């Protein structure tokens, strides 16, 4: 969970899940390159940098901007002097821009000059910066002629994610498949069981099998965190959501309801599901859990999607 203080509440960019997610990722990206970035600054500036990244979620006060903003801009314009520092400075400047901090440069020139360098960054940092620029354009904090799209925005390859999630789904043991089908009325359980096996032996994509069989029982179990097959059925719902870009909002709703439970899963299950949910966010600027939540509740309760290696 990421918490934002008063600076975020008074930002000119409206508070939304997308803004919280983008800013959270940019802060993580800035933190990844903190050591290299700090080495490029004077000793007195390092404490300012640490505070801005780790305590202020990337927001520069007026005093902070006077202390380090010009240096951040310089470092963000010198990719060949150290890629980690270059990307960390860029992420920090974007985070400040989106939150209405004291930095006033719109970073248009940086995007125009360095987008090919951003593409060379480690996948989480590259995706964080690219999504930062995309959201800054969407919210009119920067005006880009050529928007990042496709693979630039994605931490993980979709085909790799689908393969991993299929492995998770197909690992559901027979005893749990029986238990999943008990969610249906007794007279349809046999039909659900055969359909479930067919789906898992085939594409694992529920919408390929007509929806009701086995979709009904998989849907029900994926909404019950206490069910022994919760993780496996969640993987099946997520597979379908990736293929359909979550057209019906099933995973957006589930993230809103069950994100803390996903984060507490065993690591192999957790990483696959978190990576899949991240792909939904990165694939569509409109993917939005917590829709309808008031800004104060969003800031205090919404859970952003962490980085996870599937």
Protein backbone atom coordinates (compact mmCIF):
# COMPACT_ATOMS: atom_id res chain seq x y z
CA UNK A 1 0.00 0.00 0.00
CA UNK A 2 1.28 3.46 -0.85
CA UNK A 3 0.24 6.50 1.17
CA UNK A 4 0.41 10.06 -0.13
CA UNK A 5 0.35 13.11 2.09
CA UNK A 6 -0.91 16.64 1.65
CA UNK A 7 1.23 17.34 -1.44
CA UNK A 8 -0.64 14.63 -3.32
CA UNK A 9 -4.01 15.82 -2.12
CA UNK A 10 -3.41 19.29 -3.59
CA UNK A 11 -1.82 18.12 -6.84
CA UNK A 12 -3.06 19.60 -10.09
CA UNK A 13 -3.33 16.12 -11.61
CA UNK A 14 -6.60 14.53 -10.37
CA UNK A 15 -6.13 11.71 -7.89
CA UNK A 16 -6.97 8.37 -9.49
CA UNK A 17 -5.73 4.80 -9.32
CA UNK A 18 -3.64 5.46 -12.43
CA UNK A 19 -1.96 8.49 -10.85
CA UNK A 20 -1.22 6.59 -7.63
CA UNK A 21 0.15 3.65 -9.62
CA UNK A 22 2.32 5.75 -11.92
CA UNK A 23 3.74 7.79 -9.04
CA UNK A 24 4.37 4.67 -6.95
CA UNK A 25 6.28 3.07 -9.83
CA UNK A 26 8.30 6.22 -10.47
CA UNK A 27 9.25 6.41 -6.81
CA UNK A 28 10.39 2.77 -6.96
CA UNK A 29 12.39 3.49 -10.12
CA UNK A 30 14.03 6.51 -8.48
CA UNK A 31 14.87 4.39 -5.43
CA UNK A 32 16.46 1.67 -7.58
CA UNK A 33 18.98 4.18 -8.93
CA UNK A 34 19.39 6.15 -5.70
CA UNK A 35 23.02 5.15 -5.06
CA UNK A 36 24.22 6.08 -8.52
CA UNK A 37 22.25 9.32 -8.48
CA UNK A 38 23.53 10.29 -5.02
CA UNK A 39 27.11 9.83 -6.20
CA UNK A 40 26.56 12.58 -8.78
CA UNK A 41 25.50 15.12 -6.14
CA UNK A 42 27.34 17.10 -3.50
CA UNK A 43 27.36 15.71 0.07
CA UNK A 44 24.84 18.28 1.31
CA UNK A 45 22.47 17.40 -1.52
CA UNK A 46 22.42 13.68 -0.78
CA UNK A 47 20.27 14.05 2.33
CA UNK A 48 17.81 16.18 0.38
CA UNK A 49 17.66 13.52 -2.32
CA UNK A 50 17.12 10.72 0.20
CA UNK A 51 14.30 12.62 1.90
CA UNK A 52 12.58 13.52 -1.37
CA UNK A 53 12.63 9.93 -2.68
CA UNK A 54 11.96 7.93 0.45
CA UNK A 55 9.98 10.28 2.70
CA UNK A 56 8.20 12.65 0.29
CA UNK A 57 7.28 10.14 -2.45
CA UNK A 58 9.17 12.14 -5.06
CA UNK A 59 7.67 15.58 -4.36
CA UNK A 60 10.07 18.55 -4.36
CA UNK A 61 9.33 21.44 -2.04
CA UNK A 62 10.46 24.92 -3.07
CA UNK A 63 13.56 24.56 -0.91
CA UNK A 64 14.26 21.09 -2.34
CA UNK A 65 13.96 22.42 -5.87
CA UNK A 66 16.43 25.19 -5.11
CA UNK A 67 18.84 22.62 -3.71
CA UNK A 68 18.76 19.86 -6.34
CA UNK A 69 16.37 20.54 -9.25
CA UNK A 70 18.96 22.03 -11.61
CA UNK A 71 21.32 19.12 -10.92
CA UNK A 72 18.55 16.59 -11.49
CA UNK A 73 17.80 18.18 -14.86
CA UNK A 74 21.48 18.02 -15.80
CA UNK A 75 21.84 14.38 -14.79
CA UNK A 76 18.59 13.53 -16.63
CA UNK A 77 20.21 14.97 -19.78
CA UNK A 78 23.41 12.89 -19.60
CA UNK A 79 22.57 9.20 -20.23
CA UNK A 80 26.16 8.33 -21.13
CA UNK A 81 27.49 9.55 -17.77
CA UNK A 82 25.68 6.80 -15.88
CA UNK A 83 22.42 5.13 -16.99
CA UNK A 84 21.20 4.36 -13.46
CA UNK A 85 21.55 7.97 -12.31
CA UNK A 86 20.07 9.21 -15.61
CA UNK A 87 16.95 7.03 -15.26
CA UNK A 88 16.57 7.69 -11.53
CA UNK A 89 16.71 11.46 -12.07
CA UNK A 90 14.15 11.19 -14.89
CA UNK A 91 11.79 9.12 -12.74
CA UNK A 92 12.08 11.59 -9.86
CA UNK A 93 11.41 14.60 -12.09
CA UNK A 94 8.33 12.89 -13.56
CA UNK A 95 7.02 11.97 -10.10
CA UNK A 96 7.40 15.56 -8.98
CA UNK A 97 5.72 16.86 -12.13
CA UNK A 98 2.69 14.61 -11.72
CA UNK A 99 2.24 15.53 -8.08
CA UNK A 100 2.43 19.27 -8.60
CA UNK A 101 5.80 19.69 -6.91
CA UNK A 102 8.14 22.63 -7.22
CA UNK A 103 9.93 21.42 -10.35
CA UNK A 104 8.59 23.38 -13.32
CA UNK A 105 10.23 21.76 -16.35
CA UNK A 106 7.70 19.80 -18.44
CA UNK A 107 10.37 17.32 -19.67
CA UNK A 108 9.21 17.55 -23.29
CA UNK A 109 12.77 18.07 -24.50
CA UNK A 110 13.94 15.08 -22.47
CA UNK A 111 11.38 12.79 -24.08
CA UNK A 112 12.20 14.05 -27.54
CA UNK A 113 15.93 13.60 -27.01
CA UNK A 114 16.20 10.48 -24.85
CA UNK A 115 13.28 8.10 -25.43
CA UNK A 116 15.62 5.62 -27.12
CA UNK A 117 17.78 5.66 -24.00
CA UNK A 118 14.75 5.01 -21.80
CA UNK A 119 14.04 1.88 -23.85
CA UNK A 120 17.43 0.47 -22.86
CA UNK A 121 16.72 0.58 -19.12
CA UNK A 122 15.92 -2.45 -16.94
CA UNK A 123 12.34 -3.50 -17.65
CA UNK A 124 10.74 -2.23 -14.39
CA UNK A 125 12.49 1.14 -14.65
CA UNK A 126 11.83 1.43 -18.37
CA UNK A 127 8.14 0.63 -17.88
CA UNK A 128 7.86 3.06 -14.95
CA UNK A 129 9.37 5.93 -16.95
CA UNK A 130 7.39 5.17 -20.11
CA UNK A 131 4.11 4.94 -18.20
CA UNK A 132 5.09 8.13 -16.38
CA UNK A 133 5.40 9.97 -19.67
CA UNK A 134 2.18 8.43 -21.00
CA UNK A 135 0.21 9.50 -17.93
CA UNK A 136 1.85 12.93 -17.88
CA UNK A 137 0.64 13.40 -21.47
CA UNK A 138 -2.83 12.06 -20.65
CA UNK A 139 -3.14 14.48 -17.72
CA UNK A 140 -1.68 17.37 -19.74
CA UNK A 141 1.43 17.78 -17.64
CA UNK A 142 3.54 17.31 -20.79
CA UNK A 143 2.63 17.45 -24.47
CA UNK A 144 4.22 14.62 -26.48
CA UNK A 145 4.14 14.28 -30.24
CA UNK A 146 4.93 10.55 -30.17
CA UNK A 147 3.47 8.62 -27.22
CA UNK A 148 5.06 5.49 -25.80
CA UNK A 149 3.05 2.39 -26.60
CA UNK A 150 3.10 -1.40 -26.76
CA UNK A 151 6.18 -3.15 -25.42
CA UNK A 152 7.70 0.14 -24.19
CA UNK A 153 5.03 0.30 -21.47
CA UNK A 154 5.11 -3.33 -20.39
CA UNK A 155 7.31 -4.78 -17.69
CA UNK A 156 6.68 -8.35 -18.80
CA UNK A 157 6.07 -9.99 -22.16
CA UNK A 158 2.43 -11.05 -22.52
CA UNK A 159 3.27 -14.47 -23.99
CA UNK A 160 5.61 -15.23 -21.10
CA UNK A 161 2.94 -14.21 -18.59
CA UNK A 162 0.33 -16.38 -20.24
CA UNK A 163 2.67 -19.38 -20.16
CA UNK A 164 3.40 -18.86 -16.46
CA UNK A 165 -0.27 -18.41 -15.54
CA UNK A 166 -1.21 -21.54 -17.47
CA UNK A 167 1.34 -23.49 -15.45
CA UNK A 168 -0.27 -22.15 -12.25
CA UNK A 169 -3.81 -22.96 -13.40
CA UNK A 170 -2.95 -26.45 -14.63
CA UNK A 171 -1.25 -27.25 -11.32
CA UNK A 172 -4.70 -27.40 -9.66
CA UNK A 173 -4.86 -30.97 -8.28
CA UNK A 174 -7.81 -33.28 -8.97
CA UNK A 175 -9.07 -33.00 -5.40
CA UNK A 176 -9.32 -29.23 -5.72
CA UNK A 177 -10.95 -29.47 -9.14
CA UNK A 178 -13.65 -31.57 -7.47
CA UNK A 179 -13.94 -28.98 -4.71
CA UNK A 180 -14.26 -26.11 -7.22
CA UNK A 181 -17.16 -27.86 -8.94
CA UNK A 182 -19.01 -28.28 -5.63
CA UNK A 183 -19.71 -24.54 -5.89
CA UNK A 184 -22.36 -25.46 -8.49
CA UNK A 185 -25.72 -27.15 -7.90
CA UNK A 186 -25.28 -30.90 -7.55
CA UNK A 187 -26.99 -31.75 -10.83
CA UNK A 188 -24.47 -29.69 -12.87
CA UNK A 189 -21.25 -30.62 -11.09
CA UNK A 190 -20.32 -33.40 -13.49
CA UNK A 191 -20.70 -31.07 -16.45
CA UNK A 192 -18.60 -28.40 -14.74
CA UNK A 193 -15.90 -30.97 -13.89
CA UNK A 194 -15.58 -32.15 -17.46
CA UNK A 195 -15.57 -28.57 -18.75
CA UNK A 196 -12.94 -27.57 -16.20
CA UNK A 197 -10.66 -30.41 -17.30
CA UNK A 198 -11.20 -29.53 -20.95
CA UNK A 199 -10.34 -25.89 -20.29
CA UNK A 200 -7.19 -26.69 -18.30
CA UNK A 201 -6.07 -29.30 -20.83
CA UNK A 202 -6.70 -26.80 -23.63
CA UNK A 203 -6.11 -23.06 -23.79
CA UNK A 204 -7.02 -22.35 -20.14
CA UNK A 205 -8.97 -19.34 -21.45
CA UNK A 206 -12.50 -19.42 -20.05
CA UNK A 207 -14.04 -17.38 -22.85
CA UNK A 208 -12.92 -20.07 -25.32
CA UNK A 209 -15.34 -22.48 -23.63
CA UNK A 210 -18.61 -20.58 -23.68
CA UNK A 211 -18.49 -18.94 -20.27
CA UNK A 212 -21.00 -20.83 -18.09
CA UNK A 213 -19.23 -24.21 -17.92
CA UNK A 214 -16.82 -24.04 -16.10
CA UNK A 215 -16.91 -20.24 -15.87
CA UNK A 216 -19.60 -20.15 -13.20
CA UNK A 217 -17.69 -22.17 -10.61
CA UNK A 218 -14.31 -20.62 -11.43
CA UNK A 219 -15.83 -17.14 -10.98
CA UNK A 220 -17.37 -18.07 -7.63
CA UNK A 221 -14.20 -19.64 -6.22
CA UNK A 222 -12.05 -16.72 -7.41
CA UNK A 223 -14.18 -14.47 -5.21
CA UNK A 224 -13.62 -16.57 -2.07
CA UNK A 225 -10.16 -15.97 -0.56
CA UNK A 226 -10.70 -18.77 1.95
CA UNK A 227 -11.27 -21.42 -0.72
CA UNK A 228 -8.36 -23.83 -1.22
CA UNK A 229 -8.48 -23.29 -4.99
CA UNK A 230 -8.65 -19.48 -4.78
CA UNK A 231 -5.22 -18.90 -6.35
CA UNK A 232 -5.74 -21.37 -9.20
CA UNK A 233 -9.13 -19.92 -10.14
CA UNK A 234 -7.74 -16.39 -9.88
CA UNK A 235 -5.06 -17.40 -12.40
CA UNK A 236 -7.79 -18.60 -14.77
CA UNK A 237 -9.77 -15.36 -14.43
CA UNK A 238 -6.57 -13.40 -14.97
CA UNK A 239 -5.68 -15.35 -18.11
CA UNK A 240 -9.05 -14.49 -19.58
CA UNK A 241 -8.65 -10.87 -18.52
CA UNK A 242 -5.29 -10.57 -20.27
CA UNK A 243 -6.72 -11.96 -23.51
CA UNK A 244 -9.82 -9.72 -23.38
CA UNK A 245 -8.06 -6.70 -21.80
CA UNK A 246 -10.41 -7.22 -18.87
CA UNK A 247 -13.35 -6.08 -20.98
CA UNK A 248 -15.84 -6.92 -18.21
CA UNK A 249 -13.73 -5.48 -15.39
CA UNK A 250 -13.46 -8.80 -13.56
CA UNK A 251 -9.87 -8.36 -12.45
CA UNK A 252 -10.30 -4.65 -11.74
CA UNK A 253 -13.06 -5.61 -9.29
CA UNK A 254 -11.00 -8.44 -7.82
CA UNK A 255 -7.96 -6.23 -7.32
CA UNK A 256 -10.12 -3.73 -5.52
CA UNK A 257 -11.57 -6.45 -3.28
CA UNK A 258 -8.70 -8.89 -2.82
CA UNK A 259 -5.36 -7.14 -3.45
CA UNK A 260 -4.13 -7.63 0.15
CA UNK A 261 -4.87 -11.35 -0.12
CA UNK A 262 -2.98 -11.65 -3.41
CA UNK A 263 0.02 -10.01 -1.79
CA UNK A 264 -0.01 -12.62 0.99
CA UNK A 265 0.00 -15.64 -1.33
CA UNK A 266 2.97 -18.01 -1.55
CA UNK A 267 5.70 -16.41 -3.61
CA UNK A 268 5.32 -18.48 -6.79
CA UNK A 269 1.57 -17.87 -6.94
CA UNK A 270 1.87 -14.26 -5.78
CA UNK A 271 4.46 -13.31 -8.36
CA UNK A 272 2.54 -14.78 -11.29
CA UNK A 273 -0.72 -13.11 -10.31
CA UNK A 274 0.84 -9.74 -9.45
CA UNK A 275 2.75 -9.73 -12.75
CA UNK A 276 -0.47 -10.49 -14.61
CA UNK A 277 -2.36 -7.70 -12.88
CA UNK A 278 0.47 -5.28 -13.64
CA UNK A 279 0.18 -6.23 -17.31
CA UNK A 280 -3.49 -5.23 -17.29
CA UNK A 281 -2.61 -1.80 -15.93
CA UNK A 282 0.26 -1.32 -18.36
CA UNK A 283 -1.75 -2.51 -21.36
CA UNK A 284 -4.62 -0.07 -20.96
CA UNK A 285 -4.67 3.49 -19.69
CA UNK A 286 -8.34 2.92 -18.83
CA UNK A 287 -7.83 -0.10 -16.55
CA UNK A 288 -9.11 1.32 -13.28
CA UNK A 289 -9.98 -0.46 -10.06
CA UNK A 290 -11.36 1.75 -7.28
CA UNK A 291 -13.52 3.69 -9.74
CA UNK A 292 -16.00 5.83 -7.84
CA UNK A 293 -13.86 6.05 -4.71
CA UNK A 294 -13.45 9.49 -3.15
CA UNK A 295 -9.92 10.96 -3.37
CA UNK A 296 -9.26 10.73 0.39
CA UNK A 297 -10.24 7.06 0.43
CA UNK A 298 -8.11 6.35 -2.64
CA UNK A 299 -5.05 7.96 -1.07
CA UNK A 300 -5.48 6.07 2.19
CA UNK A 301 -6.76 2.66 1.07
CA UNK A 302 -5.97 1.91 -2.58
CA UNK A 303 -3.27 -0.71 -3.20
CA UNK A 304 -0.92 -0.10 -6.09
CA UNK A 305 0.47 -3.08 -8.01
CA UNK A 306 4.06 -3.81 -6.97
CA UNK A 307 6.75 -5.11 -9.30
CA UNK A 308 7.12 -8.89 -9.15
CA UNK A 309 9.18 -11.32 -11.21
CA UNK A 310 6.85 -14.04 -12.59
